[in-house]
Structure formats: structure tokens, C-alpha cells
Amino acid sequence: MSDQLKAQRRALVASDSPIARDPRVLRQVSWLAELGWTVDTLGRGPAPTDMNGEHFAMPRRGVPARVLSYVLLPNPAKYRNLLTSTIPAPLRDGTEGGTYDLVILNEIEMLPWFVDAKTRLVRAGGRTHLDLHEFAPSQRSGLAYRLIFKRFRDWLVTFIASPAIDSRSTVAAGIARLYAELFGFDEPRVVRSTPSFVDQSPSAVDANNIRLLHHGVASATRSLDLLISAVALADERFTLDLMLVGSDESIAPLRRLAEPLGDRVTFRAPVDVLDIATTINAYDAELIFFPPVTENLRFVLPNKFFESVQGRLAIITGQSKEMVEIIEHYGNGLVVQGWTAADLASALNSLDAASITSMKQSSDAAAHDLSSQSERIRFIEALRLMEGS
């Protein structure tokens, strides 16, 4: 480790998200703390557990205030009302300014505030890093988004190439290339969203009751209806559990679609991010089937892929390049040819207990490689604080 890394000890990790439930941000906090840094956090919701610094909580404006801001205010005023005004005064007004050797911003929402606040937040010689979880210019779609949110989102995107940022990272090689091509800076370092290694073995496969799982956010862009439709077309030996995070309104259409299938499709409550791998170990295969309707879905490499490896599951996915490369290397899954429910059902029907057992064993063999221990060094290199990085 360089002398520079040893000497610089105070960091701020900022994210417009509930940090205590954001595994990627939590890993950043943990990795820096392990290196001897005091780490403060700025974000929504309560403080992360086991942190060693101060948490600055940002309250979220109510729905009426958000709607009126989006509809009536120009972008800078909208930003001040929805985000800057929610930052606690010690950071917003600079009463604790000039105190950080390192600031890590997650995603683009914090950028306009930080570009303005950098001189009072970062000590001379300190560094600033932007972790771009996904490809921000194409994160959303749909008519409501285009009419109400897109102009504001496009304004936030203009801050990505700001000279106030010293280094950048993202989750997948394809997304890194997109950023470099669009903005003209060097490709961001790739730091994959891998959880900690979990020491467990694959569960046994029942040939007559193959348990499928999908866990994650209930988002319309992720085409989760295809999973339910595929189970309806597949052999009755397959059941599907959906462990979804989201509003009742976003999950309700999926519940209605699944009703005719009875107990072949079950909705179960989500669990803490730290408990996912052990909870899902009882299943046989994770379905990660995201038609590439956006650039992010074209290069998708989500948390759930690596959580499924730690859960020792087989992984069933479509032709998503980043996931396909890993599956082909380790042999821990099946790639579906085509993006329809019928394509997915046909692929499922081709599986038997022996093939699924083999894939689960391959996930077991890959679990060390595909854990956060392997990504920790990439993260430190991405910060450009080590010699030769």
C-alpha cells in the first residue's frame, strides 16, 4: 500500500439512496474502513450498521412537493428544492468544509451539488471519485418518464464529465466503453457488484420439484411478466418464487398474472441484503431474463447474478453479453436463445436434475472468484490512490 493511501484517512461516501440497503455503497464504506479510513456517509434513510464515521441523513420530499417541482421549476431550482435543500447544513453550508481527503459519489444525482461544493469539502491534494452504477443516459424509458423526468435527467448527465471528478468506475466493461465513447474520457475502471464470499454448499435438486427464483426490484422495464408466462408454459415440475422489492402498485400486476398458476408462482418477502445468499440457497436456479430494451439491460451485470453464485444456484439468463461471458467461462448456467416466454420455457424444459446439479456445483467452484474479495483491489485501483494505478 502506498504512503499516500496510509496518510489520507477521512472520506465521504455519498449516494441519493438508502445506503443501509445499498450493497454496492455499503461495500465502499466497508473497504475504506478496513484500510483505516474514517468514513462519513451522506444519503437517504438511517445510518449503515457498523460504520465508523458520521451519517448525514437526507430526508426525501413528499410526493406533492416532488410532483410540483418536476412540473413547474427549471432544472437548477428543481435540484435545489429536491436535493440540495435536504443535505444537512454542516455539509450543505460548508460549516465542516475542507475536511475530506476523498469523496466518493455514487451515480449522478449528487453531482450538481458536489461540483459547487468541492472547494469547501475536499482538502488540497484530496481526490474525488464517481461510481457510475449503470449507464445514466439510458436508465429509464416510457412516456411518463419522457414527459416529466427526462429533461431533468439529461441535465444531471451533463455533469458526468466535470473536471471536478478525478476518477470514475462502473459495473461492467460494456458500460465503461459506452461512457468513454460518449464523453471522451478514459474508460472508467470496472468494479463488479459482487457480495462477500459465503461458505456454503449447493442444496440438493428434487427432479420432481425444481425451484426457480427471481429476486430484485419490481420494475416494468425488466419484463418480469415473461418469467410468470414462461412457468405457465413449462413443465409442472417447475415452480417460481418472486422475492421483489417495490411498491404494491408495481407488484400488483404480477400477482394478477400469476393467480391462475396457483402455488406454482409464490411471492415472498424480501430479506436483508446480507442474508440473500443464505436465504436463496434452498432454490435451484435463478432466472435473470432481461430483454435488452435499454443500453443498461444490453450490458446488464446485476447484483443478483453474483448473489446467486454465492447462493450456489444455477443461473438461467438470456443473451446478455456480460453475464453470458461469465456463464460460458464457469459453466454455471444456461443461456436462452431468444427473448420470449416460449423461448425461456423451452430452455427450462430441456433441464433435468443432473444438469442443474452440475451448474450449481460450478457456481460453488466459482464462488471465491466471483466474490467481493476479488473486486476490492479493483476498487482501490479505481480510486487511483495506489502506486502505479
Protein backbone atom coordinates (compact mmCIF):
# COMPACT_ATOMS: atom_id res chain seq x y z
CA MET A 1 0.00 0.00 0.00
CA SER A 2 1.36 3.47 -0.86
CA ASP A 3 2.33 6.06 1.77
CA GLN A 4 -0.29 8.35 0.24
CA LEU A 5 -3.07 5.85 0.94
CA LYS A 6 -1.84 5.37 4.52
CA ALA A 7 -1.72 9.12 5.17
CA GLN A 8 -5.14 10.06 3.82
CA ARG A 9 -7.73 8.94 6.29
CA ARG A 10 -11.10 10.77 6.04
CA ALA A 11 -13.64 10.01 3.34
CA LEU A 12 -17.22 10.91 2.50
CA VAL A 13 -19.33 8.36 0.63
CA ALA A 14 -22.45 9.98 -0.83
CA SER A 15 -25.48 8.44 -2.54
CA ASP A 16 -29.06 9.53 -3.22
CA SER A 17 -30.21 6.13 -1.98
CA PRO A 18 -30.95 4.39 1.33
CA ILE A 19 -27.30 3.48 1.93
CA ALA A 20 -28.12 0.92 4.62
CA ARG A 21 -29.90 -1.13 1.91
CA ASP A 22 -27.49 -0.42 -0.96
CA PRO A 23 -24.97 -3.29 -1.12
CA ARG A 24 -22.59 -1.60 -3.57
CA VAL A 25 -22.32 1.55 -1.44
CA LEU A 26 -22.02 -0.50 1.75
CA ARG A 27 -19.03 -2.31 0.27
CA GLN A 28 -17.31 1.01 -0.45
CA VAL A 29 -17.80 2.07 3.17
CA SER A 30 -16.53 -1.28 4.45
CA TRP A 31 -13.48 -1.44 2.17
CA LEU A 32 -12.32 2.06 3.12
CA ALA A 33 -12.84 1.37 6.82
CA GLU A 34 -10.78 -1.82 6.50
CA LEU A 35 -7.97 0.31 5.08
CA GLY A 36 -8.01 2.56 8.12
CA TRP A 37 -10.15 5.42 6.83
CA THR A 38 -12.79 7.21 8.89
CA VAL A 39 -15.81 7.12 6.61
CA ASP A 40 -18.76 9.51 6.78
CA THR A 41 -21.88 8.82 4.71
CA LEU A 42 -24.44 11.10 3.08
CA GLY A 43 -27.67 9.56 1.84
CA ARG A 44 -31.29 8.67 2.41
CA GLY A 45 -32.54 6.68 5.36
CA PRO A 46 -30.80 5.54 8.55
CA ALA A 47 -27.09 5.10 9.09
CA PRO A 48 -25.45 1.89 7.91
CA THR A 49 -24.63 -0.53 10.71
CA ASP A 50 -21.01 -0.93 11.81
CA MET A 51 -19.85 2.33 10.22
CA ASN A 52 -17.05 4.23 11.93
CA GLY A 53 -17.92 7.82 10.96
CA GLU A 54 -20.95 10.13 10.92
CA HIS A 55 -24.07 9.62 8.83
CA PHE A 56 -25.72 12.67 7.30
CA ALA A 57 -29.32 11.69 6.54
CA MET A 58 -31.18 13.36 3.67
CA PRO A 59 -34.98 13.41 4.15
CA ARG A 60 -36.98 12.86 0.97
CA ARG A 61 -39.56 15.45 -0.06
CA GLY A 62 -43.17 14.36 -0.07
CA VAL A 63 -44.89 13.30 -3.28
CA PRO A 64 -46.79 16.60 -3.83
CA ALA A 65 -43.59 18.65 -3.49
CA ARG A 66 -41.74 16.35 -5.89
CA VAL A 67 -44.50 16.44 -8.49
CA LEU A 68 -44.82 20.23 -8.36
CA SER A 69 -41.05 20.64 -8.60
CA TYR A 70 -40.80 18.42 -11.66
CA VAL A 71 -43.71 20.12 -13.41
CA LEU A 72 -43.13 23.78 -12.55
CA LEU A 73 -39.46 24.50 -11.80
CA PRO A 74 -36.44 24.90 -14.10
CA ASN A 75 -33.72 22.32 -13.58
CA PRO A 76 -31.41 24.23 -11.17
CA ALA A 77 -34.32 25.30 -8.95
CA LYS A 78 -35.78 21.81 -9.11
CA TYR A 79 -32.45 20.39 -7.96
CA ARG A 80 -32.13 22.86 -5.07
CA ASN A 81 -35.62 22.01 -3.85
CA LEU A 82 -35.42 18.23 -4.20
CA LEU A 83 -31.82 17.51 -3.26
CA THR A 84 -29.58 20.38 -2.12
CA SER A 85 -32.08 21.60 0.49
CA THR A 86 -32.26 18.09 2.01
CA ILE A 87 -28.50 17.90 2.68
CA PRO A 88 -27.75 18.59 6.37
CA ALA A 89 -26.35 22.06 6.98
CA PRO A 90 -22.81 21.02 8.01
CA LEU A 91 -22.21 19.68 4.50
CA ARG A 92 -24.58 21.92 2.54
CA ASP A 93 -23.33 25.22 4.01
CA GLY A 94 -19.70 24.28 4.46
CA THR A 95 -19.55 24.54 8.24
CA GLU A 96 -17.48 21.33 8.14
CA GLY A 97 -15.92 22.18 4.80
CA GLY A 98 -12.43 21.31 3.67
CA THR A 99 -12.30 18.18 5.80
CA TYR A 100 -12.22 15.24 3.36
CA ASP A 101 -9.27 13.59 1.68
CA LEU A 102 -11.59 11.54 -0.50
CA VAL A 103 -15.18 11.97 -1.67
CA ILE A 104 -16.96 9.12 -3.46
CA LEU A 105 -20.18 9.98 -5.28
CA ASN A 106 -22.50 7.18 -6.29
CA GLU A 107 -24.45 7.75 -9.51
CA ILE A 108 -25.20 11.18 -10.92
CA GLU A 109 -27.75 12.64 -8.51
CA MET A 110 -25.17 14.20 -6.18
CA LEU A 111 -23.07 15.76 -8.94
CA PRO A 112 -24.51 19.32 -9.27
CA TRP A 113 -24.27 19.87 -5.51
CA PHE A 114 -20.76 18.45 -5.32
CA VAL A 115 -19.36 20.39 -8.28
CA ASP A 116 -20.42 23.57 -6.46
CA ALA A 117 -19.30 22.37 -3.01
CA LYS A 118 -15.97 20.70 -3.86
CA THR A 119 -13.69 23.53 -2.78
CA ARG A 120 -15.11 23.51 0.76
CA LEU A 121 -15.42 19.72 1.04
CA VAL A 122 -12.12 18.40 -0.29
CA ARG A 123 -8.73 19.23 1.17
CA ALA A 124 -5.91 20.34 -1.10
CA GLY A 125 -4.47 17.20 -2.65
CA GLY A 126 -7.64 15.21 -1.95
CA ARG A 127 -9.42 13.14 -4.57
CA THR A 128 -12.95 12.80 -5.90
CA HIS A 129 -14.36 9.63 -7.42
CA LEU A 130 -17.62 8.98 -9.27
CA ASP A 131 -19.04 5.45 -9.23
CA LEU A 132 -21.50 5.10 -12.09
CA HIS A 133 -23.56 2.04 -11.26
CA GLU A 134 -25.27 1.98 -14.65
CA PHE A 135 -25.31 3.90 -17.94
CA ALA A 136 -27.11 7.04 -16.76
CA PRO A 137 -28.17 8.41 -20.18
CA SER A 138 -30.48 5.42 -20.78
CA GLN A 139 -31.61 4.30 -17.34
CA ARG A 140 -35.31 4.90 -17.90
CA SER A 141 -37.95 4.66 -20.60
CA GLY A 142 -41.69 5.15 -21.03
CA LEU A 143 -43.98 8.06 -21.86
CA ALA A 144 -44.28 9.41 -18.31
CA TYR A 145 -40.51 9.48 -17.96
CA ARG A 146 -40.03 11.30 -21.26
CA LEU A 147 -42.70 13.89 -20.47
CA ILE A 148 -41.84 14.61 -16.83
CA PHE A 149 -38.35 13.45 -15.88
CA LYS A 150 -36.13 13.19 -18.96
CA ARG A 151 -35.18 16.86 -19.27
CA PHE A 152 -34.02 16.93 -15.65
CA ARG A 153 -32.18 13.63 -16.03
CA ASP A 154 -30.44 14.87 -19.16
CA TRP A 155 -29.30 17.94 -17.22
CA LEU A 156 -27.78 15.75 -14.49
CA VAL A 157 -25.93 13.72 -17.14
CA THR A 158 -24.06 16.84 -18.31
CA PHE A 159 -22.11 16.85 -15.01
CA ILE A 160 -20.57 13.38 -15.54
CA ALA A 161 -17.51 14.72 -17.39
CA SER A 162 -16.93 17.59 -14.94
CA PRO A 163 -13.23 18.30 -14.23
CA ALA A 164 -14.21 18.27 -10.54
CA ILE A 165 -14.13 14.46 -10.81
CA ASP A 166 -10.69 12.82 -10.68
CA SER A 167 -11.62 9.20 -11.41
CA ARG A 168 -14.60 7.04 -12.32
CA SER A 169 -15.78 3.43 -12.13
CA THR A 170 -18.76 1.42 -13.28
CA VAL A 171 -20.17 -2.11 -13.08
CA ALA A 172 -19.40 -3.71 -16.44
CA ALA A 173 -16.96 -3.43 -19.35
CA GLY A 174 -19.68 -2.69 -21.91
CA ILE A 175 -20.99 0.23 -19.87
CA ALA A 176 -17.44 1.54 -19.35
CA ARG A 177 -16.99 1.63 -23.14
CA LEU A 178 -20.29 3.47 -23.60
CA TYR A 179 -19.20 6.18 -21.16
CA ALA A 180 -15.81 6.60 -22.80
CA GLU A 181 -17.35 6.83 -26.27
CA LEU A 182 -19.99 9.36 -25.23
CA PHE A 183 -17.89 11.66 -23.05
CA GLY A 184 -14.38 11.24 -24.42
CA PHE A 185 -12.66 10.43 -21.12
CA ASP A 186 -10.71 7.26 -20.32
CA GLU A 187 -12.82 4.16 -19.75
CA PRO A 188 -13.97 4.02 -16.12
CA ARG A 189 -12.49 1.16 -14.12
CA VAL A 190 -14.79 -1.83 -13.82
CA VAL A 191 -15.75 -2.80 -10.26
CA ARG A 192 -18.34 -5.56 -10.37
CA SER A 193 -21.18 -5.71 -7.83
CA THR A 194 -20.06 -8.86 -6.06
CA PRO A 195 -21.05 -9.71 -2.46
CA SER A 196 -18.82 -11.24 0.18
CA PHE A 197 -17.92 -14.91 -0.09
CA VAL A 198 -20.39 -17.18 1.71
CA ASP A 199 -19.13 -20.56 2.85
CA GLN A 200 -21.93 -22.99 1.99
CA SER A 201 -22.67 -25.90 -0.34
CA PRO A 202 -25.28 -26.28 -3.09
CA SER A 203 -28.59 -27.73 -1.98
CA ALA A 204 -29.89 -30.99 -3.44
CA VAL A 205 -32.14 -30.91 -6.52
CA ASP A 206 -35.52 -32.67 -6.48
CA ALA A 207 -36.18 -33.83 -10.04
CA ASN A 208 -39.94 -33.51 -9.50
CA ASN A 209 -39.87 -30.07 -7.86
CA ILE A 210 -37.32 -27.74 -9.43
CA ARG A 211 -37.40 -24.44 -7.53
CA LEU A 212 -36.86 -21.31 -9.60
CA LEU A 213 -36.27 -17.85 -8.11
CA HIS A 214 -36.09 -14.24 -9.19
CA HIS A 215 -35.17 -11.62 -6.61
CA GLY A 216 -34.78 -7.88 -7.03
CA VAL A 217 -36.69 -4.74 -7.94
CA ALA A 218 -40.19 -4.96 -9.40
CA SER A 219 -39.55 -2.75 -12.43
CA ALA A 220 -41.65 -2.66 -15.60
CA THR A 221 -38.52 -2.37 -17.77
CA ARG A 222 -37.29 -5.76 -16.52
CA SER A 223 -40.14 -7.73 -18.13
CA LEU A 224 -40.82 -9.88 -15.08
CA ASP A 225 -44.13 -10.89 -16.62
CA LEU A 226 -42.13 -13.08 -19.01
CA LEU A 227 -40.96 -15.21 -16.08
CA ILE A 228 -44.52 -15.95 -14.99
CA SER A 229 -45.65 -16.63 -18.56
CA ALA A 230 -42.70 -18.99 -19.06
CA VAL A 231 -43.59 -21.01 -15.95
CA ALA A 232 -47.14 -21.32 -17.27
CA LEU A 233 -45.72 -22.87 -20.45
CA ALA A 234 -43.09 -25.02 -18.75
CA ASP A 235 -43.41 -28.49 -17.24
CA GLU A 236 -45.25 -28.66 -13.92
CA ARG A 237 -42.06 -29.78 -12.18
CA PHE A 238 -41.01 -26.09 -12.17
CA THR A 239 -42.17 -23.58 -9.55
CA LEU A 240 -41.19 -19.93 -9.27
CA ASP A 241 -40.73 -17.73 -6.23
CA LEU A 242 -40.57 -13.95 -6.70
CA MET A 243 -38.77 -12.06 -3.93
CA LEU A 244 -39.39 -8.50 -5.01
CA VAL A 245 -38.65 -5.04 -3.66
CA GLY A 246 -41.07 -2.33 -4.77
CA SER A 247 -44.42 -0.69 -4.20
CA ASP A 248 -47.66 -2.62 -4.01
CA GLU A 249 -48.68 -0.87 -7.24
CA SER A 250 -45.64 -2.22 -9.10
CA ILE A 251 -46.08 -5.80 -7.83
CA ALA A 252 -49.89 -6.00 -8.15
CA PRO A 253 -49.95 -6.63 -11.95
CA LEU A 254 -47.56 -9.54 -11.48
CA ARG A 255 -49.76 -11.01 -8.75
CA ARG A 256 -52.77 -10.83 -11.04
CA LEU A 257 -50.88 -12.51 -13.87
CA ALA A 258 -49.75 -15.31 -11.54
CA GLU A 259 -53.16 -16.03 -9.99
CA PRO A 260 -54.19 -18.76 -12.48
CA LEU A 261 -50.99 -20.67 -11.68
CA GLY A 262 -51.87 -21.08 -8.02
CA ASP A 263 -48.97 -22.26 -5.87
CA ARG A 264 -46.65 -22.69 -8.87
CA VAL A 265 -45.81 -18.97 -8.50
CA THR A 266 -45.27 -17.60 -4.99
CA PHE A 267 -44.46 -14.10 -3.80
CA ARG A 268 -42.22 -13.97 -0.74
CA ALA A 269 -40.98 -11.10 1.36
CA PRO A 270 -37.52 -9.72 0.59
CA VAL A 271 -34.72 -10.20 3.10
CA ASP A 272 -31.81 -8.06 4.22
CA VAL A 273 -29.11 -7.80 1.54
CA LEU A 274 -26.61 -9.53 3.82
CA ASP A 275 -28.93 -12.53 4.15
CA ILE A 276 -29.74 -13.05 0.47
CA ALA A 277 -27.13 -15.70 -0.35
CA THR A 278 -28.02 -17.95 2.57
CA THR A 279 -31.77 -17.46 2.07
CA ILE A 280 -31.74 -18.41 -1.61
CA ASN A 281 -29.50 -21.45 -1.14
CA ALA A 282 -32.60 -23.66 -0.91
CA TYR A 283 -33.52 -22.87 -4.53
CA ASP A 284 -32.18 -24.50 -7.68
CA ALA A 285 -31.94 -21.78 -10.34
CA GLU A 286 -32.15 -18.01 -10.57
CA LEU A 287 -33.95 -16.53 -13.59
CA ILE A 288 -32.28 -13.32 -14.85
CA PHE A 289 -34.07 -12.75 -18.13
CA PHE A 290 -33.97 -9.09 -19.16
CA PRO A 291 -34.73 -8.34 -22.84
CA PRO A 292 -32.24 -5.62 -23.94
CA VAL A 293 -34.69 -2.74 -24.27
CA THR A 294 -32.15 -0.22 -22.90
CA GLU A 295 -28.37 0.08 -23.04
CA ASN A 296 -28.20 -0.86 -19.36
CA LEU A 297 -30.10 -4.08 -20.00
CA ARG A 298 -27.93 -4.83 -23.03
CA PHE A 299 -24.87 -4.88 -20.75
CA VAL A 300 -26.62 -5.88 -17.53
CA LEU A 301 -24.46 -7.50 -14.84
CA PRO A 302 -26.60 -7.14 -11.71
CA ASN A 303 -26.05 -7.79 -8.02
CA LYS A 304 -28.43 -10.74 -8.22
CA PHE A 305 -26.13 -12.59 -10.63
CA PHE A 306 -23.31 -12.67 -8.08
CA GLU A 307 -25.67 -13.22 -5.14
CA SER A 308 -26.94 -16.28 -6.99
CA VAL A 309 -23.40 -17.57 -7.32
CA GLN A 310 -22.90 -17.17 -3.57
CA GLY A 311 -26.27 -18.93 -3.12
CA ARG A 312 -24.80 -21.80 -5.22
CA LEU A 313 -27.62 -21.64 -7.78
CA ALA A 314 -27.71 -22.39 -11.48
CA ILE A 315 -28.31 -19.18 -13.46
CA ILE A 316 -30.74 -19.06 -16.37
CA THR A 317 -30.32 -15.94 -18.48
CA GLY A 318 -30.90 -14.56 -21.94
CA GLN A 319 -28.22 -13.42 -24.37
CA SER A 320 -26.94 -10.66 -22.07
CA LYS A 321 -23.30 -10.31 -23.08
CA GLU A 322 -21.71 -9.61 -19.69
CA MET A 323 -23.48 -12.50 -17.95
CA VAL A 324 -23.01 -14.86 -20.88
CA GLU A 325 -19.22 -14.43 -20.77
CA ILE A 326 -19.12 -15.48 -17.11
CA ILE A 327 -21.51 -18.41 -17.58
CA GLU A 328 -19.52 -19.70 -20.55
CA HIS A 329 -16.30 -19.43 -18.53
CA TYR A 330 -17.55 -21.22 -15.41
CA GLY A 331 -20.35 -23.40 -16.82
CA ASN A 332 -22.72 -22.38 -14.04
CA GLY A 333 -25.81 -21.62 -16.08
CA LEU A 334 -27.85 -21.84 -19.25
CA VAL A 335 -28.17 -19.15 -21.92
CA VAL A 336 -31.61 -18.96 -23.54
CA GLN A 337 -31.73 -18.38 -27.29
CA GLY A 338 -34.44 -15.78 -27.84
CA TRP A 339 -36.36 -13.35 -25.67
CA THR A 340 -39.91 -14.71 -25.49
CA ALA A 341 -41.66 -16.59 -22.70
CA ALA A 342 -41.82 -19.60 -25.03
CA ASP A 343 -38.04 -19.45 -25.54
CA LEU A 344 -37.49 -19.42 -21.79
CA ALA A 345 -39.99 -22.24 -21.20
CA SER A 346 -38.32 -24.40 -23.86
CA ALA A 347 -34.93 -23.86 -22.22
CA LEU A 348 -36.34 -24.78 -18.80
CA ASN A 349 -37.92 -27.96 -20.18
CA SER A 350 -34.52 -29.03 -21.51
CA LEU A 351 -33.12 -29.16 -17.97
CA ASP A 352 -33.06 -32.13 -15.63
CA ALA A 353 -31.85 -32.69 -12.10
CA ALA A 354 -28.39 -33.78 -13.28
CA SER A 355 -27.75 -30.72 -15.44
CA ILE A 356 -28.96 -28.33 -12.75
CA THR A 357 -26.84 -30.08 -10.13
CA SER A 358 -23.79 -29.67 -12.37
CA MET A 359 -24.46 -25.94 -12.80
CA LYS A 360 -24.92 -25.47 -9.05
CA GLN A 361 -21.61 -27.22 -8.44
CA SER A 362 -19.98 -24.90 -10.97
CA SER A 363 -21.34 -21.88 -9.08
CA ASP A 364 -19.82 -23.40 -5.96
CA ALA A 365 -16.44 -23.68 -7.70
CA ALA A 366 -16.70 -20.05 -8.91
CA ALA A 367 -17.81 -18.54 -5.60
CA HIS A 368 -14.35 -17.42 -4.46
CA ASP A 369 -13.52 -15.85 -7.83
CA LEU A 370 -16.87 -14.06 -8.04
CA SER A 371 -16.86 -12.52 -4.57
CA SER A 372 -16.11 -9.05 -3.24
CA GLN A 373 -12.65 -10.15 -2.16
CA SER A 374 -11.74 -10.21 -5.84
CA GLU A 375 -13.24 -6.76 -6.51
CA ARG A 376 -11.75 -4.96 -3.51
CA ILE A 377 -8.40 -4.39 -5.21
CA ARG A 378 -10.16 -3.11 -8.36
CA PHE A 379 -11.99 -0.57 -6.24
CA ILE A 380 -8.80 0.70 -4.63
CA GLU A 381 -7.12 0.87 -8.04
CA ALA A 382 -10.12 2.78 -9.42
CA LEU A 383 -9.55 5.48 -6.80
CA ARG A 384 -6.01 5.95 -8.18
CA LEU A 385 -4.58 6.18 -4.68
CA MET A 386 -2.15 3.29 -5.03
CA GLU A 387 1.23 3.45 -6.63
CA GLY A 388 1.14 2.61 -10.31
CA SER A 389 -2.66 2.83 -10.59
